[in-house]
Amino acid sequence: MTSETAKEHQKKSSEDISCGIITLSDSRKSEKLDLSGKYIAEEIESRYTLKSKSLIPDEKQDLVDEIDKMVLDDIDVILTTGGTGLDTRDITVETVESLFEKRIEGFGELFRAKSYEEIGSAALLSRATAGVYKKTIIFSMPGSPNAVKTALNLIIDELPHFVHHVKK
């Protein structure tokens, strides 16, 4: 169900998209335990270029520093996983939203609607968000592998289209 305008924009979009992944976790201390980051990496590498991948603690300054490093490295799309819940240490949403120059409201809304179909009212606990910072798109997803799969199913095919508009 794609509009003609969206199809035209997709034709003009480059598939040469560079991505970065940031996993935020206080409990997963090694890349081996980062199942969500691994899944995102596999999906990105099958279609686009994975330029950077990091695992950091749930610390605001660490997240800002990692995002700024990726922006300076000309990464088009940053995908974060973890830190979107309601726990005291969950700082992803507040941190990235403070950076956004534009928000992509529909991502969180659509993610929660799709999650509701899958897991019921527990979807209300998700604060998935997205926006634009210095011509880089940031998608912040929950840390569970199933939530990451749901989120990627919504966005992965549209990344060139998103980047096309942001870079204009």
C-alpha atoms as a PDB file:
ATOM      1  CA  MET A   1       0.000   0.000   0.000  1.00  0.00           C
ATOM      2  CA  THR A   2       2.440   2.649  -1.233  1.00  0.00           C
ATOM      3  CA  SER A   3       1.429   5.955  -2.746  1.00  0.00           C
ATOM      4  CA  GLU A   4       2.655   7.021  -6.183  1.00  0.00           C
ATOM      5  CA  THR A   5       4.541   9.936  -4.612  1.00  0.00           C
ATOM      6  CA  ALA A   6       6.311   7.596  -2.187  1.00  0.00           C
ATOM      7  CA  LYS A   7       7.244   5.311  -5.094  1.00  0.00           C
ATOM      8  CA  GLU A   8       8.744   8.266  -6.983  1.00  0.00           C
ATOM      9  CA  HIS A   9      10.742   9.351  -3.934  1.00  0.00           C
ATOM     10  CA  GLN A  10      12.000   5.806  -3.416  1.00  0.00           C
ATOM     11  CA  LYS A  11      13.246   5.709  -7.021  1.00  0.00           C
ATOM     12  CA  LYS A  12      15.286   8.866  -6.352  1.00  0.00           C
ATOM     13  CA  SER A  13      16.676   7.468  -3.096  1.00  0.00           C
ATOM     14  CA  SER A  14      20.104   5.912  -2.883  1.00  0.00           C
ATOM     15  CA  GLU A  15      20.494   2.425  -1.442  1.00  0.00           C
ATOM     16  CA  ASP A  16      23.985   3.487  -0.300  1.00  0.00           C
ATOM     17  CA  ILE A  17      22.999   4.105   3.319  1.00  0.00           C
ATOM     18  CA  SER A  18      25.522   4.056   6.166  1.00  0.00           C
ATOM     19  CA  CYS A  19      24.279   2.978   9.580  1.00  0.00           C
ATOM     20  CA  GLY A  20      25.483   2.882  13.149  1.00  0.00           C
ATOM     21  CA  ILE A  21      24.139   0.806  16.031  1.00  0.00           C
ATOM     22  CA  ILE A  22      24.275   1.738  19.700  1.00  0.00           C
ATOM     23  CA  THR A  23      23.167  -0.757  22.337  1.00  0.00           C
ATOM     24  CA  LEU A  24      22.560   0.713  25.769  1.00  0.00           C
ATOM     25  CA  SER A  25      22.759  -1.799  28.590  1.00  0.00           C
ATOM     26  CA  ASP A  26      24.056  -2.009  32.121  1.00  0.00           C
ATOM     27  CA  SER A  27      23.571  -5.786  32.196  1.00  0.00           C
ATOM     28  CA  ARG A  28      24.953  -6.902  28.818  1.00  0.00           C
ATOM     29  CA  LYS A  29      28.663  -6.425  29.199  1.00  0.00           C
ATOM     30  CA  SER A  30      29.767  -8.158  26.005  1.00  0.00           C
ATOM     31  CA  GLU A  31      28.843  -8.079  22.325  1.00  0.00           C
ATOM     32  CA  LYS A  32      28.129 -11.822  22.572  1.00  0.00           C
ATOM     33  CA  LEU A  33      25.199 -11.152  24.927  1.00  0.00           C
ATOM     34  CA  ASP A  34      23.820  -8.317  22.789  1.00  0.00           C
ATOM     35  CA  LEU A  35      21.211 -10.276  20.821  1.00  0.00           C
ATOM     36  CA  SER A  36      19.295  -7.184  19.720  1.00  0.00           C
ATOM     37  CA  GLY A  37      22.402  -5.399  18.459  1.00  0.00           C
ATOM     38  CA  LYS A  38      23.450  -8.558  16.646  1.00  0.00           C
ATOM     39  CA  TYR A  39      20.056  -8.870  14.951  1.00  0.00           C
ATOM     40  CA  ILE A  40      20.098  -5.212  13.862  1.00  0.00           C
ATOM     41  CA  ALA A  41      23.630  -5.632  12.497  1.00  0.00           C
ATOM     42  CA  GLU A  42      22.662  -8.704  10.455  1.00  0.00           C
ATOM     43  CA  GLU A  43      19.634  -6.943   8.970  1.00  0.00           C
ATOM     44  CA  ILE A  44      21.550  -3.752   8.170  1.00  0.00           C
ATOM     45  CA  GLU A  45      24.499  -5.591   6.635  1.00  0.00           C
ATOM     46  CA  SER A  46      22.156  -7.509   4.323  1.00  0.00           C
ATOM     47  CA  ARG A  47      20.994  -4.234   2.689  1.00  0.00           C
ATOM     48  CA  TYR A  48      23.117  -1.277   3.692  1.00  0.00           C
ATOM     49  CA  THR A  49      26.542  -0.414   5.122  1.00  0.00           C
ATOM     50  CA  LEU A  50      27.189  -0.925   8.826  1.00  0.00           C
ATOM     51  CA  LYS A  51      29.842   1.637   9.676  1.00  0.00           C
ATOM     52  CA  SER A  52      29.838   1.499  13.475  1.00  0.00           C
ATOM     53  CA  LYS A  53      28.524  -0.643  16.330  1.00  0.00           C
ATOM     54  CA  SER A  54      28.921   0.001  20.034  1.00  0.00           C
ATOM     55  CA  LEU A  55      27.746  -1.280  23.396  1.00  0.00           C
ATOM     56  CA  ILE A  56      27.614   1.360  26.126  1.00  0.00           C
ATOM     57  CA  PRO A  57      26.185   1.659  29.644  1.00  0.00           C
ATOM     58  CA  ASP A  58      22.941   3.551  30.247  1.00  0.00           C
ATOM     59  CA  GLU A  59      24.706   6.894  30.696  1.00  0.00           C
ATOM     60  CA  LYS A  60      23.494  10.106  29.082  1.00  0.00           C
ATOM     61  CA  GLN A  61      26.938  11.534  28.265  1.00  0.00           C
ATOM     62  CA  ASP A  62      28.152   8.222  26.820  1.00  0.00           C
ATOM     63  CA  LEU A  63      25.130   8.170  24.514  1.00  0.00           C
ATOM     64  CA  VAL A  64      25.563  11.789  23.407  1.00  0.00           C
ATOM     65  CA  ASP A  65      29.288  11.211  22.791  1.00  0.00           C
ATOM     66  CA  GLU A  66      28.622   8.075  20.725  1.00  0.00           C
ATOM     67  CA  ILE A  67      25.933   9.817  18.655  1.00  0.00           C
ATOM     68  CA  ASP A  68      28.197  12.809  18.005  1.00  0.00           C
ATOM     69  CA  LYS A  69      31.034  10.479  16.976  1.00  0.00           C
ATOM     70  CA  MET A  70      28.750   8.742  14.468  1.00  0.00           C
ATOM     71  CA  VAL A  71      27.416  12.049  13.128  1.00  0.00           C
ATOM     72  CA  LEU A  72      31.011  13.247  12.573  1.00  0.00           C
ATOM     73  CA  ASP A  73      31.665   9.970  10.737  1.00  0.00           C
ATOM     74  CA  ASP A  74      28.841  10.873   8.276  1.00  0.00           C
ATOM     75  CA  ILE A  75      26.564   8.036   9.330  1.00  0.00           C
ATOM     76  CA  ASP A  76      23.100   8.453   7.787  1.00  0.00           C
ATOM     77  CA  VAL A  77      21.043   6.417  10.269  1.00  0.00           C
ATOM     78  CA  ILE A  78      21.704   5.612  13.917  1.00  0.00           C
ATOM     79  CA  LEU A  79      19.725   2.765  15.453  1.00  0.00           C
ATOM     80  CA  THR A  80      19.701   2.546  19.240  1.00  0.00           C
ATOM     81  CA  THR A  81      18.387  -0.370  21.253  1.00  0.00           C
ATOM     82  CA  GLY A  82      17.752  -0.389  24.969  1.00  0.00           C
ATOM     83  CA  GLY A  83      17.026   2.237  27.577  1.00  0.00           C
ATOM     84  CA  THR A  84      13.535   3.133  26.356  1.00  0.00           C
ATOM     85  CA  GLY A  85      11.544   1.745  29.279  1.00  0.00           C
ATOM     86  CA  LEU A  86      10.407   3.261  32.557  1.00  0.00           C
ATOM     87  CA  ASP A  87      13.255   2.168  34.824  1.00  0.00           C
ATOM     88  CA  THR A  88      15.259   4.897  36.533  1.00  0.00           C
ATOM     89  CA  ARG A  89      18.337   4.004  34.426  1.00  0.00           C
ATOM     90  CA  ASP A  90      16.414   4.169  31.100  1.00  0.00           C
ATOM     91  CA  ILE A  91      17.777   7.435  29.646  1.00  0.00           C
ATOM     92  CA  THR A  92      17.667   6.885  25.897  1.00  0.00           C
ATOM     93  CA  VAL A  93      14.411   8.681  25.096  1.00  0.00           C
ATOM     94  CA  GLU A  94      15.125  11.805  27.142  1.00  0.00           C
ATOM     95  CA  THR A  95      18.659  11.979  25.776  1.00  0.00           C
ATOM     96  CA  VAL A  96      17.915  11.577  22.069  1.00  0.00           C
ATOM     97  CA  GLU A  97      14.784  13.709  22.123  1.00  0.00           C
ATOM     98  CA  SER A  98      16.796  16.578  23.628  1.00  0.00           C
ATOM     99  CA  LEU A  99      19.004  16.414  20.496  1.00  0.00           C
ATOM    100  CA  PHE A 100      16.247  16.183  17.883  1.00  0.00           C
ATOM    101  CA  GLU A 101      15.780  19.096  15.517  1.00  0.00           C
ATOM    102  CA  LYS A 102      12.742  17.299  14.075  1.00  0.00           C
ATOM    103  CA  ARG A 103      10.782  14.404  15.508  1.00  0.00           C
ATOM    104  CA  ILE A 104       9.431  11.527  13.462  1.00  0.00           C
ATOM    105  CA  GLU A 105       6.255  11.091  15.514  1.00  0.00           C
ATOM    106  CA  GLY A 106       4.816   8.293  13.407  1.00  0.00           C
ATOM    107  CA  PHE A 107       7.571   5.814  14.279  1.00  0.00           C
ATOM    108  CA  GLY A 108       6.712   5.567  17.968  1.00  0.00           C
ATOM    109  CA  GLU A 109       2.998   5.631  17.272  1.00  0.00           C
ATOM    110  CA  LEU A 110       3.169   2.904  14.636  1.00  0.00           C
ATOM    111  CA  PHE A 111       5.599   0.836  16.707  1.00  0.00           C
ATOM    112  CA  ARG A 112       3.265   0.876  19.714  1.00  0.00           C
ATOM    113  CA  ALA A 113       0.238   0.031  17.550  1.00  0.00           C
ATOM    114  CA  LYS A 114       2.067  -2.922  15.992  1.00  0.00           C
ATOM    115  CA  SER A 115       3.381  -3.990  19.410  1.00  0.00           C
ATOM    116  CA  TYR A 116      -0.133  -3.872  20.815  1.00  0.00           C
ATOM    117  CA  GLU A 117      -1.198  -6.380  18.150  1.00  0.00           C
ATOM    118  CA  GLU A 118       1.682  -8.626  19.228  1.00  0.00           C
ATOM    119  CA  ILE A 119       1.847  -8.269  23.042  1.00  0.00           C
ATOM    120  CA  GLY A 120      -1.267  -6.424  24.158  1.00  0.00           C
ATOM    121  CA  SER A 121      -1.315  -3.500  26.563  1.00  0.00           C
ATOM    122  CA  ALA A 122       2.300  -4.078  27.634  1.00  0.00           C
ATOM    123  CA  ALA A 123       3.060  -2.073  24.474  1.00  0.00           C
ATOM    124  CA  LEU A 124       2.260   1.033  26.528  1.00  0.00           C
ATOM    125  CA  LEU A 125       5.579   0.553  28.340  1.00  0.00           C
ATOM    126  CA  SER A 126       7.517   1.258  25.156  1.00  0.00           C
ATOM    127  CA  ARG A 127       8.759   4.757  24.524  1.00  0.00           C
ATOM    128  CA  ALA A 128      10.273   4.052  21.103  1.00  0.00           C
ATOM    129  CA  THR A 129      11.080   7.324  19.368  1.00  0.00           C
ATOM    130  CA  ALA A 130      12.753   8.747  16.276  1.00  0.00           C
ATOM    131  CA  GLY A 131      13.976  12.047  14.980  1.00  0.00           C
ATOM    132  CA  VAL A 132      16.588  13.979  13.057  1.00  0.00           C
ATOM    133  CA  TYR A 133      19.806  15.398  14.488  1.00  0.00           C
ATOM    134  CA  LYS A 134      22.319  17.170  12.245  1.00  0.00           C
ATOM    135  CA  LYS A 135      20.911  15.485   9.102  1.00  0.00           C
ATOM    136  CA  THR A 136      21.233  12.065  10.733  1.00  0.00           C
ATOM    137  CA  ILE A 137      18.160   9.986  11.510  1.00  0.00           C
ATOM    138  CA  ILE A 138      17.996   8.336  14.912  1.00  0.00           C
ATOM    139  CA  PHE A 139      15.606   5.475  15.659  1.00  0.00           C
ATOM    140  CA  SER A 140      15.476   4.406  19.305  1.00  0.00           C
ATOM    141  CA  MET A 141      13.994   0.986  19.965  1.00  0.00           C
ATOM    142  CA  PRO A 142      13.474  -1.114  23.075  1.00  0.00           C
ATOM    143  CA  GLY A 143      16.109  -3.666  24.007  1.00  0.00           C
ATOM    144  CA  SER A 144      14.197  -6.897  23.535  1.00  0.00           C
ATOM    145  CA  PRO A 145      14.952  -8.874  20.366  1.00  0.00           C
ATOM    146  CA  ASN A 146      11.247  -9.188  19.510  1.00  0.00           C
ATOM    147  CA  ALA A 147      10.738  -5.424  19.828  1.00  0.00           C
ATOM    148  CA  VAL A 148      13.758  -4.817  17.587  1.00  0.00           C
ATOM    149  CA  LYS A 149      12.327  -7.169  14.955  1.00  0.00           C
ATOM    150  CA  THR A 150       8.999  -5.334  15.078  1.00  0.00           C
ATOM    151  CA  ALA A 151      10.695  -1.941  14.743  1.00  0.00           C
ATOM    152  CA  LEU A 152      12.991  -2.974  11.909  1.00  0.00           C
ATOM    153  CA  ASN A 153      10.086  -4.476   9.983  1.00  0.00           C
ATOM    154  CA  LEU A 154       8.513  -1.008  10.039  1.00  0.00           C
ATOM    155  CA  ILE A 155      11.532   0.989   8.893  1.00  0.00           C
ATOM    156  CA  ILE A 156      14.237  -1.030   7.148  1.00  0.00           C
ATOM    157  CA  ASP A 157      12.797  -0.816   3.632  1.00  0.00           C
ATOM    158  CA  GLU A 158      12.116   2.909   4.017  1.00  0.00           C
ATOM    159  CA  LEU A 159      15.585   3.969   5.200  1.00  0.00           C
ATOM    160  CA  PRO A 160      16.662   5.230   1.742  1.00  0.00           C
ATOM    161  CA  HIS A 161      13.436   7.229   1.513  1.00  0.00           C
ATOM    162  CA  PHE A 162      14.006   8.760   4.968  1.00  0.00           C
ATOM    163  CA  VAL A 163      17.621   9.623   4.154  1.00  0.00           C
ATOM    164  CA  HIS A 164      16.602  11.136   0.804  1.00  0.00           C
ATOM    165  CA  HIS A 165      14.358  13.663   2.573  1.00  0.00           C
ATOM    166  CA  VAL A 166      16.726  14.421   5.442  1.00  0.00           C
ATOM    167  CA  LYS A 167      19.697  15.112   3.176  1.00  0.00           C
ATOM    168  CA  LYS A 168      17.762  17.538   0.914  1.00  0.00           C
END
